[in-house]
Amino acid sequence: MREIFMYVCLCNGITDHSIREEVAKGAQHLRDVVRSLGLAKDCARCVEAAREVFDEAKSQFDLSMAEQLAYAADIPTLTAA
């Protein structure tokens, strides 16, 4: 099945997937994405849509990380005999 991407920045060909990838790589703020991808360098009409995608991706990523940490905290540590 082919994945469908939404173009967020038409001027620079930046998709929602590109923004989500930057969040997964550690982008903490939208300005991090702006710097790394060159988002909003031309007309800047994409900023509102980019903010929505970034905020959603960041929330999902943070929740995923919290779940992984909670899971890891529940695993007992093995001690050497």
Protein backbone atom coordinates (compact mmCIF):
# COMPACT_ATOMS: atom_id res chain seq x y z
CA MET A 1 0.00 0.00 0.00
CA ARG A 2 1.36 3.38 -0.97
CA GLU A 3 1.63 6.05 1.71
CA ILE A 4 -0.04 9.40 0.98
CA PHE A 5 1.69 12.62 1.92
CA MET A 6 0.23 16.10 2.22
CA TYR A 7 2.27 19.00 0.92
CA VAL A 8 2.59 21.61 3.64
CA CYS A 9 5.03 23.94 1.86
CA LEU A 10 4.49 24.05 -1.88
CA CYS A 11 7.35 26.49 -2.47
CA ASN A 12 9.93 24.04 -1.11
CA GLY A 13 8.12 20.72 -1.59
CA ILE A 14 7.93 19.93 2.13
CA THR A 15 5.39 17.32 3.22
CA ASP A 16 3.78 16.43 6.52
CA HIS A 17 5.93 13.29 6.47
CA SER A 18 9.09 15.43 6.32
CA ILE A 19 7.97 17.38 9.38
CA ARG A 20 7.11 14.17 11.26
CA GLU A 21 10.55 12.77 10.42
CA GLU A 22 12.20 15.86 11.89
CA VAL A 23 10.21 15.40 15.11
CA ALA A 24 11.31 11.75 15.25
CA LYS A 25 14.91 12.93 14.79
CA GLY A 26 14.56 15.19 17.82
CA ALA A 27 13.12 18.54 16.70
CA GLN A 28 11.79 20.18 19.85
CA HIS A 29 10.38 23.36 18.30
CA LEU A 30 8.93 24.39 14.96
CA ARG A 31 11.95 26.64 14.47
CA ASP A 32 14.12 23.49 14.44
CA VAL A 33 12.06 22.21 11.50
CA VAL A 34 12.24 25.61 9.80
CA ARG A 35 16.03 25.55 10.02
CA SER A 36 16.54 21.96 8.95
CA LEU A 37 14.03 21.83 6.08
CA GLY A 38 14.00 25.44 4.89
CA LEU A 39 10.31 25.71 5.68
CA ALA A 40 8.61 29.10 5.13
CA LYS A 41 11.59 30.69 3.37
CA ASP A 42 9.53 32.08 0.50
CA CYS A 43 5.90 33.09 0.96
CA ALA A 44 5.45 31.65 4.51
CA ARG A 45 1.81 30.70 3.84
CA CYS A 46 2.62 27.25 5.17
CA VAL A 47 3.42 28.26 8.74
CA GLU A 48 -0.05 27.63 10.19
CA ALA A 49 -0.38 24.19 8.58
CA ALA A 50 3.20 23.33 9.53
CA ARG A 51 2.48 24.31 13.14
CA GLU A 52 -0.55 21.99 13.22
CA VAL A 53 1.42 19.06 11.78
CA PHE A 54 4.36 19.73 14.10
CA ASP A 55 2.18 19.99 17.23
CA GLU A 56 0.32 16.78 16.38
CA ALA A 57 3.54 14.90 15.59
CA LYS A 58 5.24 16.19 18.74
CA SER A 59 2.28 15.12 20.91
CA GLN A 60 2.24 11.65 19.36
CA PHE A 61 6.01 11.30 19.70
CA ASP A 62 6.01 12.47 23.33
CA LEU A 63 3.16 10.07 24.18
CA SER A 64 4.97 7.21 22.47
CA MET A 65 8.16 7.95 24.38
CA ALA A 66 6.26 8.17 27.68
CA GLU A 67 4.62 4.80 26.99
CA GLN A 68 8.00 3.24 26.17
CA LEU A 69 9.53 4.63 29.37
CA ALA A 70 6.60 3.38 31.43
CA TYR A 71 6.94 -0.06 29.85
CA ALA A 72 10.68 -0.11 30.46
CA ALA A 73 10.14 0.89 34.12
CA ASP A 74 7.86 -2.14 34.59
CA ILE A 75 10.48 -4.64 33.39
CA PRO A 76 12.30 -6.14 36.36
CA THR A 77 16.09 -6.02 36.24
CA LEU A 78 17.88 -9.33 36.17
CA THR A 79 20.64 -9.75 38.72
CA ALA A 80 23.61 -12.05 38.35
CA ALA A 81 23.46 -15.16 40.55
